[in-house]
Amino acid sequence: MATENSTWGYTRIQGALKNWGHDVARSTVATVLKHNGIAPAPDRPSSWRTFLRAHWGAIAGADLFTSEVWTPRGLITYYTLFVIDLRSRRVHVAGSIPPPDAGFIAQAARRLTDAVDGFLAGHRVLLCDRDAKWTQGFRRIVEGAGVRIVWTPVQAPNANAYAERFGRSIRAEWLDRLILFGERRLLRALDEFVAHDHGERNHQGLGNELILPEPRPALSTTVRWRERVGGLVRYYHTRSLTMGGVFGHYEHWPSTADILLEPSAATALGSAVRVASLVPLLYQTGPEEPCRGLTQTEREEA
């Protein structure tokens, strides 16, 4: 109770225990807390987990990771600055540059805190490690936009675990498996991974769901896949089939003969048998009566 509720004093804890049927003296509570190294309220610091939960939904984490890029001047280390929203896991790459200077960091802060489309718009807390690259200009711009910068404890990467995890994932799954020739290739690879991370990569912390899932088709047919960076990763999904998608070039509702003779439908569905399975759609009744004009014999043949 004391570690999870930093403002609870000895008497408050005594009362909470009484609700359970435990009559404990106030001095006993004080002795137990002192024996376990827990300071009395209000000097008792709250836990890091409590802090994150209190600001959940309005807290983001920032960090930098490095990547090696071949240039005409040789192998150069680029630093990539990114920000991640802790609740949704959405990531925004603010830019990449060889050893960053104060100007780059300050410009990144301006873009992140832009009132119209800045990634930190709506956030109130930004977690940063104690790297010297977070300059005074960066702090002044971010805090001037109403975002409080919270520095993680010394040598405690788990305090900014979500950002650390993203940095490790993009290096292990992406950048370490590529030979990057030039800055443009690096920037393209970063954009590809962010798109993959948001719409194609399942996240265990989100119930193994996607950050930005695509609408699931009502009528799923064959399984399709799309690749990123020449097949480095693939995303498998089902392709939906609608009457408008296959027979969109018809000016009227397709007849039975149209469906059975349409080559593109056979290609999309994979077999003529599955094309025939679409025919029952023509028997739906509605204002336009799509089955009007078909004889009983035609229906039986279909």
C-alpha atoms as a PDB file:
ATOM      1  CA  MET A   1       0.000   0.000   0.000  1.00  0.00           C
ATOM      2  CA  ALA A   2       2.788   2.422   0.846  1.00  0.00           C
ATOM      3  CA  THR A   3       4.677   1.908  -2.420  1.00  0.00           C
ATOM      4  CA  GLU A   4       1.544   2.159  -4.572  1.00  0.00           C
ATOM      5  CA  ASN A   5       0.137   5.189  -2.725  1.00  0.00           C
ATOM      6  CA  SER A   6       2.898   7.680  -2.009  1.00  0.00           C
ATOM      7  CA  THR A   7       0.603  10.115  -0.154  1.00  0.00           C
ATOM      8  CA  TRP A   8      -0.734   7.595   2.351  1.00  0.00           C
ATOM      9  CA  GLY A   9       0.530   8.138   5.867  1.00  0.00           C
ATOM     10  CA  TYR A  10       0.627   5.702   8.761  1.00  0.00           C
ATOM     11  CA  THR A  11      -2.927   6.436   9.876  1.00  0.00           C
ATOM     12  CA  ARG A  12      -4.340   6.077   6.347  1.00  0.00           C
ATOM     13  CA  ILE A  13      -2.662   2.691   5.956  1.00  0.00           C
ATOM     14  CA  GLN A  14      -3.919   1.697   9.387  1.00  0.00           C
ATOM     15  CA  GLY A  15      -7.473   2.495   8.306  1.00  0.00           C
ATOM     16  CA  ALA A  16      -7.109   0.554   5.043  1.00  0.00           C
ATOM     17  CA  LEU A  17      -5.932  -2.502   6.964  1.00  0.00           C
ATOM     18  CA  LYS A  18      -8.897  -2.124   9.312  1.00  0.00           C
ATOM     19  CA  ASN A  19     -11.203  -2.489   6.297  1.00  0.00           C
ATOM     20  CA  TRP A  20      -9.763  -5.973   5.873  1.00  0.00           C
ATOM     21  CA  GLY A  21     -10.365  -6.828   9.515  1.00  0.00           C
ATOM     22  CA  HIS A  22      -6.757  -6.258  10.639  1.00  0.00           C
ATOM     23  CA  ASP A  23      -6.484  -4.084  13.742  1.00  0.00           C
ATOM     24  CA  VAL A  24      -2.890  -2.888  13.693  1.00  0.00           C
ATOM     25  CA  ALA A  25      -1.394  -0.111  15.788  1.00  0.00           C
ATOM     26  CA  ARG A  26      -0.081   2.991  14.011  1.00  0.00           C
ATOM     27  CA  SER A  27       3.352   2.394  15.510  1.00  0.00           C
ATOM     28  CA  THR A  28       3.377  -1.091  13.993  1.00  0.00           C
ATOM     29  CA  VAL A  29       2.753   0.363  10.525  1.00  0.00           C
ATOM     30  CA  ALA A  30       5.605   2.840  11.039  1.00  0.00           C
ATOM     31  CA  THR A  31       7.947   0.088  12.217  1.00  0.00           C
ATOM     32  CA  VAL A  32       7.199  -2.165   9.236  1.00  0.00           C
ATOM     33  CA  LEU A  33       7.728   0.631   6.705  1.00  0.00           C
ATOM     34  CA  LYS A  34      10.967   1.745   8.367  1.00  0.00           C
ATOM     35  CA  HIS A  35      12.237  -1.839   8.441  1.00  0.00           C
ATOM     36  CA  ASN A  36      11.654  -2.096   4.663  1.00  0.00           C
ATOM     37  CA  GLY A  37      13.330   1.216   3.894  1.00  0.00           C
ATOM     38  CA  ILE A  38      10.131   3.059   2.961  1.00  0.00           C
ATOM     39  CA  ALA A  39      10.070   6.736   3.886  1.00  0.00           C
ATOM     40  CA  PRO A  40       7.040   8.301   5.552  1.00  0.00           C
ATOM     41  CA  ALA A  41       4.600  10.462   3.590  1.00  0.00           C
ATOM     42  CA  PRO A  42       4.841  13.008   2.021  1.00  0.00           C
ATOM     43  CA  ASP A  43       8.572  12.417   1.451  1.00  0.00           C
ATOM     44  CA  ARG A  44       7.895   9.000  -0.056  1.00  0.00           C
ATOM     45  CA  PRO A  45       8.539   9.071  -3.831  1.00  0.00           C
ATOM     46  CA  SER A  46       5.979   7.487  -6.123  1.00  0.00           C
ATOM     47  CA  SER A  47       6.960   4.539  -8.297  1.00  0.00           C
ATOM     48  CA  TRP A  48       7.823   4.925 -11.974  1.00  0.00           C
ATOM     49  CA  ARG A  49       4.888   2.716 -12.894  1.00  0.00           C
ATOM     50  CA  THR A  50       2.518   4.978 -10.991  1.00  0.00           C
ATOM     51  CA  PHE A  51       3.923   7.989 -12.803  1.00  0.00           C
ATOM     52  CA  LEU A  52       3.384   6.379 -16.223  1.00  0.00           C
ATOM     53  CA  ARG A  53      -0.167   5.345 -15.400  1.00  0.00           C
ATOM     54  CA  ALA A  54      -1.030   8.833 -14.171  1.00  0.00           C
ATOM     55  CA  HIS A  55       0.034  10.357 -17.512  1.00  0.00           C
ATOM     56  CA  TRP A  56      -1.010   7.501 -19.800  1.00  0.00           C
ATOM     57  CA  GLY A  57      -2.344   8.824 -23.086  1.00  0.00           C
ATOM     58  CA  ALA A  58      -0.457  12.115 -22.813  1.00  0.00           C
ATOM     59  CA  ILE A  59       3.098  10.825 -22.500  1.00  0.00           C
ATOM     60  CA  ALA A  60       5.689  10.158 -25.203  1.00  0.00           C
ATOM     61  CA  GLY A  61       9.287   8.997 -25.238  1.00  0.00           C
ATOM     62  CA  ALA A  62      12.181  10.336 -27.312  1.00  0.00           C
ATOM     63  CA  ASP A  63      15.484   8.693 -28.140  1.00  0.00           C
ATOM     64  CA  LEU A  64      18.200   8.388 -30.779  1.00  0.00           C
ATOM     65  CA  PHE A  65      19.739   5.352 -32.443  1.00  0.00           C
ATOM     66  CA  THR A  66      22.690   5.035 -34.781  1.00  0.00           C
ATOM     67  CA  SER A  67      23.160   3.427 -38.193  1.00  0.00           C
ATOM     68  CA  GLU A  68      26.187   3.089 -40.455  1.00  0.00           C
ATOM     69  CA  VAL A  69      25.861   4.585 -43.949  1.00  0.00           C
ATOM     70  CA  TRP A  70      28.310   4.350 -46.858  1.00  0.00           C
ATOM     71  CA  THR A  71      28.946   7.736 -48.479  1.00  0.00           C
ATOM     72  CA  PRO A  72      31.564   9.120 -50.913  1.00  0.00           C
ATOM     73  CA  ARG A  73      33.493  10.145 -47.814  1.00  0.00           C
ATOM     74  CA  GLY A  74      33.458   6.625 -46.415  1.00  0.00           C
ATOM     75  CA  LEU A  75      31.467   4.980 -43.634  1.00  0.00           C
ATOM     76  CA  ILE A  76      29.602   7.579 -41.570  1.00  0.00           C
ATOM     77  CA  THR A  77      27.485   7.097 -38.458  1.00  0.00           C
ATOM     78  CA  TYR A  78      24.043   8.684 -38.709  1.00  0.00           C
ATOM     79  CA  TYR A  79      21.932   9.527 -35.669  1.00  0.00           C
ATOM     80  CA  THR A  80      18.151   9.183 -36.017  1.00  0.00           C
ATOM     81  CA  LEU A  81      15.859  11.051 -33.638  1.00  0.00           C
ATOM     82  CA  PHE A  82      12.400   9.598 -33.089  1.00  0.00           C
ATOM     83  CA  VAL A  83       9.455  10.010 -30.735  1.00  0.00           C
ATOM     84  CA  ILE A  84       6.991   7.282 -29.730  1.00  0.00           C
ATOM     85  CA  ASP A  85       3.545   7.619 -28.185  1.00  0.00           C
ATOM     86  CA  LEU A  86       3.504   5.173 -25.286  1.00  0.00           C
ATOM     87  CA  ARG A  87      -0.184   4.274 -25.403  1.00  0.00           C
ATOM     88  CA  SER A  88      -0.692   3.783 -29.138  1.00  0.00           C
ATOM     89  CA  ARG A  89       2.954   2.876 -30.002  1.00  0.00           C
ATOM     90  CA  ARG A  90       2.845   5.257 -32.965  1.00  0.00           C
ATOM     91  CA  VAL A  91       6.310   6.435 -33.984  1.00  0.00           C
ATOM     92  CA  HIS A  92       7.452   9.616 -35.680  1.00  0.00           C
ATOM     93  CA  VAL A  93      10.969   9.923 -37.102  1.00  0.00           C
ATOM     94  CA  ALA A  94      12.107  13.516 -36.671  1.00  0.00           C
ATOM     95  CA  GLY A  95      15.198  13.195 -38.878  1.00  0.00           C
ATOM     96  CA  SER A  96      18.601  11.625 -39.411  1.00  0.00           C
ATOM     97  CA  ILE A  97      21.957  13.360 -39.539  1.00  0.00           C
ATOM     98  CA  PRO A  98      25.629  12.646 -38.857  1.00  0.00           C
ATOM     99  CA  PRO A  99      26.590  13.577 -35.289  1.00  0.00           C
ATOM    100  CA  PRO A 100      23.712  15.972 -34.514  1.00  0.00           C
ATOM    101  CA  ASP A 101      24.361  19.562 -33.573  1.00  0.00           C
ATOM    102  CA  ALA A 102      22.289  22.051 -31.599  1.00  0.00           C
ATOM    103  CA  GLY A 103      20.644  23.402 -34.755  1.00  0.00           C
ATOM    104  CA  PHE A 104      19.311  20.016 -35.839  1.00  0.00           C
ATOM    105  CA  ILE A 105      17.974  19.208 -32.363  1.00  0.00           C
ATOM    106  CA  ALA A 106      16.292  22.605 -32.076  1.00  0.00           C
ATOM    107  CA  GLN A 107      14.659  22.315 -35.508  1.00  0.00           C
ATOM    108  CA  ALA A 108      13.382  18.843 -34.613  1.00  0.00           C
ATOM    109  CA  ALA A 109      11.854  20.278 -31.452  1.00  0.00           C
ATOM    110  CA  ARG A 110      10.049  22.968 -33.477  1.00  0.00           C
ATOM    111  CA  ARG A 111       8.543  20.412 -35.845  1.00  0.00           C
ATOM    112  CA  LEU A 112       7.504  18.108 -33.011  1.00  0.00           C
ATOM    113  CA  THR A 113       5.738  20.869 -31.087  1.00  0.00           C
ATOM    114  CA  ASP A 114       4.024  22.523 -34.037  1.00  0.00           C
ATOM    115  CA  ALA A 115       0.523  23.502 -32.975  1.00  0.00           C
ATOM    116  CA  VAL A 116      -1.079  22.216 -36.194  1.00  0.00           C
ATOM    117  CA  ASP A 117       0.543  18.894 -37.049  1.00  0.00           C
ATOM    118  CA  GLY A 118       3.305  18.426 -34.491  1.00  0.00           C
ATOM    119  CA  PHE A 119       3.589  14.892 -33.148  1.00  0.00           C
ATOM    120  CA  LEU A 120       3.691  16.146 -29.554  1.00  0.00           C
ATOM    121  CA  ALA A 121       0.467  18.123 -29.922  1.00  0.00           C
ATOM    122  CA  GLY A 122      -1.822  16.830 -27.181  1.00  0.00           C
ATOM    123  CA  HIS A 123       1.027  15.399 -25.125  1.00  0.00           C
ATOM    124  CA  ARG A 124       2.015  16.755 -21.744  1.00  0.00           C
ATOM    125  CA  VAL A 125       5.101  14.702 -20.845  1.00  0.00           C
ATOM    126  CA  LEU A 126       8.175  13.689 -22.855  1.00  0.00           C
ATOM    127  CA  LEU A 127      10.607  11.104 -21.511  1.00  0.00           C
ATOM    128  CA  CYS A 128      14.264  11.629 -22.372  1.00  0.00           C
ATOM    129  CA  ASP A 129      17.456  10.022 -21.179  1.00  0.00           C
ATOM    130  CA  ARG A 130      20.333  12.063 -19.844  1.00  0.00           C
ATOM    131  CA  ASP A 131      22.219  12.226 -23.141  1.00  0.00           C
ATOM    132  CA  ALA A 132      24.070  15.484 -23.698  1.00  0.00           C
ATOM    133  CA  LYS A 133      22.525  15.721 -27.183  1.00  0.00           C
ATOM    134  CA  TRP A 134      19.330  17.091 -25.628  1.00  0.00           C
ATOM    135  CA  THR A 135      20.506  20.669 -25.690  1.00  0.00           C
ATOM    136  CA  GLN A 136      19.216  23.678 -23.774  1.00  0.00           C
ATOM    137  CA  GLY A 137      17.553  24.902 -26.963  1.00  0.00           C
ATOM    138  CA  PHE A 138      15.630  21.635 -27.270  1.00  0.00           C
ATOM    139  CA  ARG A 139      14.456  21.862 -23.681  1.00  0.00           C
ATOM    140  CA  ARG A 140      13.427  25.498 -24.013  1.00  0.00           C
ATOM    141  CA  ILE A 141      11.362  24.886 -27.171  1.00  0.00           C
ATOM    142  CA  VAL A 142       9.639  21.746 -25.898  1.00  0.00           C
ATOM    143  CA  GLU A 143       8.827  23.136 -22.472  1.00  0.00           C
ATOM    144  CA  GLY A 144       7.721  26.416 -24.050  1.00  0.00           C
ATOM    145  CA  ALA A 145       5.068  24.438 -25.950  1.00  0.00           C
ATOM    146  CA  GLY A 146       3.630  23.133 -22.673  1.00  0.00           C
ATOM    147  CA  VAL A 147       5.326  19.717 -22.751  1.00  0.00           C
ATOM    148  CA  ARG A 148       7.169  18.783 -19.583  1.00  0.00           C
ATOM    149  CA  ILE A 149      10.480  16.959 -20.060  1.00  0.00           C
ATOM    150  CA  VAL A 150      11.089  14.187 -17.542  1.00  0.00           C
ATOM    151  CA  TRP A 151      14.615  12.824 -17.347  1.00  0.00           C
ATOM    152  CA  THR A 152      14.945   9.106 -16.763  1.00  0.00           C
ATOM    153  CA  PRO A 153      17.102   7.883 -13.870  1.00  0.00           C
ATOM    154  CA  VAL A 154      20.808   7.419 -14.504  1.00  0.00           C
ATOM    155  CA  GLN A 155      21.657   4.171 -16.312  1.00  0.00           C
ATOM    156  CA  ALA A 156      18.033   3.048 -16.294  1.00  0.00           C
ATOM    157  CA  PRO A 157      17.040   2.297 -19.925  1.00  0.00           C
ATOM    158  CA  ASN A 158      13.928   0.434 -18.768  1.00  0.00           C
ATOM    159  CA  ALA A 159      12.471   3.756 -17.641  1.00  0.00           C
ATOM    160  CA  ASN A 160      12.032   4.570 -21.339  1.00  0.00           C
ATOM    161  CA  ALA A 161      11.460   0.982 -22.360  1.00  0.00           C
ATOM    162  CA  TYR A 162       9.088   1.618 -25.275  1.00  0.00           C
ATOM    163  CA  ALA A 163      11.545   3.877 -27.054  1.00  0.00           C
ATOM    164  CA  GLU A 164      14.433   1.525 -26.297  1.00  0.00           C
ATOM    165  CA  ARG A 165      12.470  -1.394 -27.692  1.00  0.00           C
ATOM    166  CA  PHE A 166      11.673   0.412 -30.939  1.00  0.00           C
ATOM    167  CA  GLY A 167      15.317   1.365 -31.406  1.00  0.00           C
ATOM    168  CA  ARG A 168      16.390  -2.223 -30.904  1.00  0.00           C
ATOM    169  CA  SER A 169      13.694  -3.587 -33.228  1.00  0.00           C
ATOM    170  CA  ILE A 170      14.475  -1.291 -36.150  1.00  0.00           C
ATOM    171  CA  ARG A 171      18.168  -2.132 -35.917  1.00  0.00           C
ATOM    172  CA  ALA A 172      17.800  -5.890 -35.470  1.00  0.00           C
ATOM    173  CA  GLU A 173      14.955  -6.453 -37.951  1.00  0.00           C
ATOM    174  CA  TRP A 174      15.803  -3.802 -40.523  1.00  0.00           C
ATOM    175  CA  LEU A 175      18.955  -1.697 -40.560  1.00  0.00           C
ATOM    176  CA  ASP A 176      21.425  -4.416 -39.530  1.00  0.00           C
ATOM    177  CA  ARG A 177      20.257  -6.471 -42.523  1.00  0.00           C
ATOM    178  CA  LEU A 178      20.794  -3.705 -45.062  1.00  0.00           C
ATOM    179  CA  ILE A 179      23.843  -2.112 -46.644  1.00  0.00           C
ATOM    180  CA  LEU A 180      22.954   1.547 -46.769  1.00  0.00           C
ATOM    181  CA  PHE A 181      24.475   3.557 -49.602  1.00  0.00           C
ATOM    182  CA  GLY A 182      23.777   7.219 -49.037  1.00  0.00           C
ATOM    183  CA  GLU A 183      21.462   9.249 -46.869  1.00  0.00           C
ATOM    184  CA  ARG A 184      18.480   8.882 -49.220  1.00  0.00           C
ATOM    185  CA  ARG A 185      18.619   5.112 -48.888  1.00  0.00           C
ATOM    186  CA  LEU A 186      18.627   5.452 -45.100  1.00  0.00           C
ATOM    187  CA  LEU A 187      15.637   7.792 -45.082  1.00  0.00           C
ATOM    188  CA  ARG A 188      13.690   5.507 -47.390  1.00  0.00           C
ATOM    189  CA  ALA A 189      14.455   2.511 -45.189  1.00  0.00           C
ATOM    190  CA  LEU A 190      13.237   4.418 -42.132  1.00  0.00           C
ATOM    191  CA  ASP A 191       9.989   5.394 -43.846  1.00  0.00           C
ATOM    192  CA  GLU A 192       9.422   1.805 -44.954  1.00  0.00           C
ATOM    193  CA  PHE A 193       9.928   0.441 -41.450  1.00  0.00           C
ATOM    194  CA  VAL A 194       7.613   2.982 -39.845  1.00  0.00           C
ATOM    195  CA  ALA A 195       4.894   2.086 -42.368  1.00  0.00           C
ATOM    196  CA  HIS A 196       5.512  -1.603 -41.678  1.00  0.00           C
ATOM    197  CA  ASP A 197       5.528  -1.052 -37.919  1.00  0.00           C
ATOM    198  CA  HIS A 198       2.216   0.810 -37.962  1.00  0.00           C
ATOM    199  CA  GLY A 199       0.191  -1.230 -40.410  1.00  0.00           C
ATOM    200  CA  GLU A 200       1.823  -4.638 -40.808  1.00  0.00           C
ATOM    201  CA  ARG A 201       3.659  -5.590 -37.611  1.00  0.00           C
ATOM    202  CA  ASN A 202       1.714  -7.096 -34.722  1.00  0.00           C
ATOM    203  CA  HIS A 203       2.561  -5.702 -31.285  1.00  0.00           C
ATOM    204  CA  GLN A 204       2.404  -7.951 -28.250  1.00  0.00           C
ATOM    205  CA  GLY A 205       1.834  -4.983 -25.955  1.00  0.00           C
ATOM    206  CA  LEU A 206      -1.350  -4.181 -27.894  1.00  0.00           C
ATOM    207  CA  GLY A 207      -2.833  -7.656 -27.636  1.00  0.00           C
ATOM    208  CA  ASN A 208      -0.899  -8.815 -30.707  1.00  0.00           C
ATOM    209  CA  GLU A 209      -2.855  -6.344 -32.835  1.00  0.00           C
ATOM    210  CA  LEU A 210      -1.773  -3.811 -35.453  1.00  0.00           C
ATOM    211  CA  ILE A 211      -1.394  -0.135 -34.616  1.00  0.00           C
ATOM    212  CA  LEU A 212      -3.325   0.981 -37.698  1.00  0.00           C
ATOM    213  CA  PRO A 213      -5.206  -2.086 -38.981  1.00  0.00           C
ATOM    214  CA  GLU A 214      -6.814  -2.072 -42.392  1.00  0.00           C
ATOM    215  CA  PRO A 215     -10.577  -2.624 -42.624  1.00  0.00           C
ATOM    216  CA  ARG A 216     -11.261  -6.345 -42.718  1.00  0.00           C
ATOM    217  CA  PRO A 217     -13.046  -7.397 -45.893  1.00  0.00           C
ATOM    218  CA  ALA A 218     -16.545  -8.755 -45.577  1.00  0.00           C
ATOM    219  CA  LEU A 219     -15.841 -11.268 -48.345  1.00  0.00           C
ATOM    220  CA  SER A 220     -12.299 -12.654 -48.158  1.00  0.00           C
ATOM    221  CA  THR A 221     -10.903 -14.660 -51.024  1.00  0.00           C
ATOM    222  CA  THR A 222      -7.275 -15.519 -51.685  1.00  0.00           C
ATOM    223  CA  VAL A 223      -4.410 -14.652 -49.361  1.00  0.00           C
ATOM    224  CA  ARG A 224      -2.134 -11.958 -50.746  1.00  0.00           C
ATOM    225  CA  TRP A 225       1.165 -10.543 -49.553  1.00  0.00           C
ATOM    226  CA  ARG A 226       3.171  -7.406 -50.066  1.00  0.00           C
ATOM    227  CA  GLU A 227       6.861  -7.001 -49.442  1.00  0.00           C
ATOM    228  CA  ARG A 228       9.050  -4.252 -48.070  1.00  0.00           C
ATOM    229  CA  VAL A 229      12.577  -3.394 -49.199  1.00  0.00           C
ATOM    230  CA  GLY A 230      12.824  -6.062 -51.847  1.00  0.00           C
ATOM    231  CA  GLY A 231      11.318  -8.852 -49.772  1.00  0.00           C
ATOM    232  CA  LEU A 232      13.124  -8.237 -46.485  1.00  0.00           C
ATOM    233  CA  VAL A 233       9.775  -8.569 -44.728  1.00  0.00           C
ATOM    234  CA  ARG A 234       6.359  -9.564 -45.981  1.00  0.00           C
ATOM    235  CA  TYR A 235       2.856  -8.833 -44.820  1.00  0.00           C
ATOM    236  CA  TYR A 236       0.111 -11.366 -45.515  1.00  0.00           C
ATOM    237  CA  HIS A 237      -3.491 -10.278 -45.851  1.00  0.00           C
ATOM    238  CA  THR A 238      -6.738 -11.277 -47.537  1.00  0.00           C
ATOM    239  CA  ARG A 239      -8.047  -9.437 -50.535  1.00  0.00           C
ATOM    240  CA  SER A 240     -11.689  -8.486 -50.573  1.00  0.00           C
ATOM    241  CA  LEU A 241     -13.868  -9.056 -53.611  1.00  0.00           C
ATOM    242  CA  THR A 242     -16.887  -6.917 -54.353  1.00  0.00           C
ATOM    243  CA  MET A 243     -19.237  -6.908 -57.302  1.00  0.00           C
ATOM    244  CA  GLY A 244     -18.104  -3.375 -58.134  1.00  0.00           C
ATOM    245  CA  GLY A 245     -14.448  -4.384 -57.986  1.00  0.00           C
ATOM    246  CA  VAL A 246     -14.765  -7.244 -60.473  1.00  0.00           C
ATOM    247  CA  PHE A 247     -17.603  -5.975 -62.641  1.00  0.00           C
ATOM    248  CA  GLY A 248     -17.020  -2.239 -62.234  1.00  0.00           C
ATOM    249  CA  HIS A 249     -16.864  -1.658 -65.995  1.00  0.00           C
ATOM    250  CA  TYR A 250     -20.530  -2.623 -66.434  1.00  0.00           C
ATOM    251  CA  GLU A 251     -23.003   0.250 -66.523  1.00  0.00           C
ATOM    252  CA  HIS A 252     -25.748  -1.997 -65.147  1.00  0.00           C
ATOM    253  CA  TRP A 253     -25.961  -4.855 -62.670  1.00  0.00           C
ATOM    254  CA  PRO A 254     -24.241  -7.819 -64.372  1.00  0.00           C
ATOM    255  CA  SER A 255     -26.431 -10.578 -65.665  1.00  0.00           C
ATOM    256  CA  THR A 256     -25.901 -14.283 -65.061  1.00  0.00           C
ATOM    257  CA  ALA A 257     -24.064 -14.600 -68.351  1.00  0.00           C
ATOM    258  CA  ASP A 258     -21.830 -11.653 -67.465  1.00  0.00           C
ATOM    259  CA  ILE A 259     -20.729 -13.327 -64.261  1.00  0.00           C
ATOM    260  CA  LEU A 260     -20.108 -16.733 -65.798  1.00  0.00           C
ATOM    261  CA  LEU A 261     -18.201 -15.339 -68.788  1.00  0.00           C
ATOM    262  CA  GLU A 262     -16.150 -12.630 -67.031  1.00  0.00           C
ATOM    263  CA  PRO A 263     -12.443 -13.619 -67.270  1.00  0.00           C
ATOM    264  CA  SER A 264     -11.286 -11.121 -64.637  1.00  0.00           C
ATOM    265  CA  ALA A 265     -13.610 -12.691 -62.101  1.00  0.00           C
ATOM    266  CA  ALA A 266     -12.093 -16.096 -62.700  1.00  0.00           C
ATOM    267  CA  THR A 267      -8.620 -14.634 -62.291  1.00  0.00           C
ATOM    268  CA  ALA A 268      -9.511 -12.800 -59.085  1.00  0.00           C
ATOM    269  CA  LEU A 269     -11.204 -15.748 -57.439  1.00  0.00           C
ATOM    270  CA  GLY A 270      -8.844 -18.425 -58.668  1.00  0.00           C
ATOM    271  CA  SER A 271     -11.366 -20.839 -60.161  1.00  0.00           C
ATOM    272  CA  ALA A 272     -14.606 -20.885 -62.140  1.00  0.00           C
ATOM    273  CA  VAL A 273     -16.301 -22.754 -59.299  1.00  0.00           C
ATOM    274  CA  ARG A 274     -15.842 -19.809 -56.961  1.00  0.00           C
ATOM    275  CA  VAL A 275     -17.096 -17.464 -59.660  1.00  0.00           C
ATOM    276  CA  ALA A 276     -20.334 -19.426 -59.722  1.00  0.00           C
ATOM    277  CA  SER A 277     -20.602 -18.978 -55.961  1.00  0.00           C
ATOM    278  CA  LEU A 278     -21.204 -15.275 -56.572  1.00  0.00           C
ATOM    279  CA  VAL A 279     -24.355 -15.929 -58.539  1.00  0.00           C
ATOM    280  CA  PRO A 280     -26.589 -16.108 -55.414  1.00  0.00           C
ATOM    281  CA  LEU A 281     -25.890 -12.406 -54.938  1.00  0.00           C
ATOM    282  CA  LEU A 282     -28.157 -11.769 -57.922  1.00  0.00           C
ATOM    283  CA  TYR A 283     -31.136 -13.188 -56.053  1.00  0.00           C
ATOM    284  CA  GLN A 284     -31.145 -10.422 -53.452  1.00  0.00           C
ATOM    285  CA  THR A 285     -34.327  -8.390 -53.528  1.00  0.00           C
ATOM    286  CA  GLY A 286     -34.095  -4.633 -53.438  1.00  0.00           C
ATOM    287  CA  PRO A 287     -35.393  -1.422 -54.950  1.00  0.00           C
ATOM    288  CA  GLU A 288     -33.553  -2.020 -58.201  1.00  0.00           C
ATOM    289  CA  GLU A 289     -34.544  -5.711 -58.402  1.00  0.00           C
ATOM    290  CA  PRO A 290     -31.280  -6.944 -59.933  1.00  0.00           C
ATOM    291  CA  CYS A 291     -32.812 -10.324 -60.765  1.00  0.00           C
ATOM    292  CA  ARG A 292     -35.551  -8.773 -62.876  1.00  0.00           C
ATOM    293  CA  GLY A 293     -35.598 -10.160 -66.412  1.00  0.00           C
ATOM    294  CA  LEU A 294     -34.215 -13.607 -65.522  1.00  0.00           C
ATOM    295  CA  THR A 295     -36.434 -16.587 -66.206  1.00  0.00           C
ATOM    296  CA  GLN A 296     -36.739 -19.521 -63.836  1.00  0.00           C
ATOM    297  CA  THR A 297     -34.771 -21.641 -66.314  1.00  0.00           C
ATOM    298  CA  GLU A 298     -31.896 -19.149 -66.315  1.00  0.00           C
ATOM    299  CA  ARG A 299     -31.822 -19.185 -62.520  1.00  0.00           C
ATOM    300  CA  GLU A 300     -31.714 -22.984 -62.430  1.00  0.00           C
ATOM    301  CA  GLU A 301     -28.900 -23.051 -64.985  1.00  0.00           C
ATOM    302  CA  ALA A 302     -26.944 -20.509 -62.953  1.00  0.00           C
END
